[in-house]
C-alpha atoms as a PDB file:
ATOM      1  CA  MET A   1       9.299  -3.897   1.719  1.00  0.00           C
ATOM      2  CA  LYS A   2       5.813  -4.782   0.506  1.00  0.00           C
ATOM      3  CA  VAL A   3       2.627  -3.452   2.070  1.00  0.00           C
ATOM      4  CA  TYR A   4      -1.007  -4.210   1.287  1.00  0.00           C
ATOM      5  CA  VAL A   5      -3.582  -1.419   1.031  1.00  0.00           C
ATOM      6  CA  LYS A   6      -7.333  -1.995   0.888  1.00  0.00           C
ATOM      7  CA  ALA A   7      -8.575   0.181  -1.997  1.00  0.00           C
ATOM      8  CA  LYS A   8     -10.356   0.033  -5.351  1.00  0.00           C
ATOM      9  CA  SER A   9      -7.251   0.745  -7.445  1.00  0.00           C
ATOM     10  CA  LYS A  10      -3.907   2.538  -7.613  1.00  0.00           C
ATOM     11  CA  LYS A  11      -5.786   5.548  -8.985  1.00  0.00           C
ATOM     12  CA  ASP A  12      -8.094   5.465  -5.966  1.00  0.00           C
ATOM     13  CA  ILE A  13      -5.091   5.467  -3.623  1.00  0.00           C
ATOM     14  CA  ASN A  14      -3.476   8.433  -5.386  1.00  0.00           C
ATOM     15  CA  GLU A  15      -6.746  10.410  -5.399  1.00  0.00           C
ATOM     16  CA  ARG A  16      -7.289   9.774  -1.701  1.00  0.00           C
ATOM     17  CA  LEU A  17      -3.715  10.833  -0.911  1.00  0.00           C
ATOM     18  CA  SER A  18      -4.071  14.020  -2.982  1.00  0.00           C
ATOM     19  CA  ASN A  19      -7.246  14.826  -1.003  1.00  0.00           C
ATOM     20  CA  GLY A  20      -5.215  14.734   2.207  1.00  0.00           C
ATOM     21  CA  GLU A  21      -6.366  11.343   3.458  1.00  0.00           C
ATOM     22  CA  VAL A  22      -3.809   9.388   5.471  1.00  0.00           C
ATOM     23  CA  LEU A  23      -3.573   5.824   4.165  1.00  0.00           C
ATOM     24  CA  TYR A  24      -1.950   2.883   5.859  1.00  0.00           C
ATOM     25  CA  GLY A  25      -0.570  -0.329   4.442  1.00  0.00           C
ATOM     26  CA  GLU A  26      -0.012  -3.557   6.294  1.00  0.00           C
ATOM     27  CA  ASN A  27       3.040  -5.751   5.943  1.00  0.00           C
ATOM     28  CA  PHE A  28       2.214  -9.425   6.462  1.00  0.00           C
ATOM     29  CA  SER A  29       5.868 -10.554   6.621  1.00  0.00           C
ATOM     30  CA  MET A  30       6.873 -13.322   8.972  1.00  0.00           C
ATOM     31  CA  PHE A  31      10.480 -12.072   8.949  1.00  0.00           C
ATOM     32  CA  GLY A  32      10.105  -9.481  11.694  1.00  0.00           C
ATOM     33  CA  ASP A  33       9.016  -6.305   9.876  1.00  0.00           C
ATOM     34  CA  ALA A  34       5.282  -7.031   9.941  1.00  0.00           C
ATOM     35  CA  GLY A  35       3.163  -4.079  10.953  1.00  0.00           C
ATOM     36  CA  ILE A  36       1.157  -1.092   9.787  1.00  0.00           C
ATOM     37  CA  TYR A  37       2.861   1.733   7.892  1.00  0.00           C
ATOM     38  CA  ASP A  38       1.783   5.218   6.804  1.00  0.00           C
ATOM     39  CA  LEU A  39       2.205   5.239   3.009  1.00  0.00           C
ATOM     40  CA  THR A  40       3.889   8.641   3.068  1.00  0.00           C
ATOM     41  CA  GLN A  41       6.653   7.177   5.246  1.00  0.00           C
ATOM     42  CA  LEU A  42       7.558   4.383   2.817  1.00  0.00           C
ATOM     43  CA  ASN A  43      10.918   4.321   1.069  1.00  0.00           C
ATOM     44  CA  ASP A  44      11.219   5.057  -2.636  1.00  0.00           C
ATOM     45  CA  GLY A  45      10.541   1.867  -4.593  1.00  0.00           C
ATOM     46  CA  ASP A  46       8.693  -0.015  -1.852  1.00  0.00           C
ATOM     47  CA  VAL A  47       6.002  -2.268  -3.299  1.00  0.00           C
ATOM     48  CA  VAL A  48       2.331  -1.538  -2.634  1.00  0.00           C
ATOM     49  CA  ALA A  49      -0.229  -4.273  -3.317  1.00  0.00           C
ATOM     50  CA  VAL A  50      -3.853  -3.180  -3.772  1.00  0.00           C
ATOM     51  CA  TYR A  51      -6.578  -5.532  -2.577  1.00  0.00           C
ATOM     52  CA  GLN A  52     -10.316  -5.523  -1.964  1.00  0.00           C
ATOM     53  CA  LYS A  53     -10.905  -8.928  -0.434  1.00  0.00           C
ATOM     54  CA  MET A  54      -9.266 -11.492   1.799  1.00  0.00           C
ATOM     55  CA  VAL A  55      -8.897 -15.144   0.839  1.00  0.00           C
ATOM     56  CA  ASP A  56      -8.179 -17.675   3.595  1.00  0.00           C
ATOM     57  CA  GLY A  57      -7.143 -14.850   5.917  1.00  0.00           C
ATOM     58  CA  ASN A  58      -4.704 -13.256   3.458  1.00  0.00           C
ATOM     59  CA  PRO A  59      -5.152 -10.213   1.218  1.00  0.00           C
ATOM     60  CA  TYR A  60      -5.808 -11.098  -2.426  1.00  0.00           C
ATOM     61  CA  ALA A  61      -3.912  -8.457  -4.420  1.00  0.00           C
ATOM     62  CA  LYS A  62      -5.359  -7.353  -7.742  1.00  0.00           C
ATOM     63  CA  ALA A  63      -2.862  -4.601  -8.589  1.00  0.00           C
ATOM     64  CA  TRP A  64       0.720  -3.752  -7.718  1.00  0.00           C
ATOM     65  CA  GLY A  65       2.666  -0.521  -7.758  1.00  0.00           C
ATOM     66  CA  THR A  66       5.801   1.090  -6.410  1.00  0.00           C
ATOM     67  CA  TRP A  67       5.964   4.046  -4.068  1.00  0.00           C
ATOM     68  CA  ASP A  68       7.498   7.291  -5.382  1.00  0.00           C
ATOM     69  CA  SER A  69       8.694   9.099  -2.257  1.00  0.00           C
ATOM     70  CA  ASN A  70       9.538  12.307  -4.155  1.00  0.00           C
ATOM     71  CA  LYS A  71       6.035  12.733  -5.604  1.00  0.00           C
ATOM     72  CA  GLN A  72       4.355  11.043  -2.618  1.00  0.00           C
ATOM     73  CA  LYS A  73       2.240   8.847  -4.885  1.00  0.00           C
ATOM     74  CA  LEU A  74       1.927   5.331  -6.178  1.00  0.00           C
ATOM     75  CA  LYS A  75       3.157   4.556  -9.675  1.00  0.00           C
END
């Protein structure tokens, strides 16, 4: 699965998670699994796209990472 998170960077996401903030990512899939997901509930290896702006109603990703469920952080 791929989710989009509005943040400055992957580092920003990891810092916010380590500070106890709950972050959510949104899946924009048209194949039935669209929705909002708590990052800590993602499966190992799920893709996280980082964006700061929307273009034509869609998130414009500037960085990509994969979720490490064991360490509960983005790599």
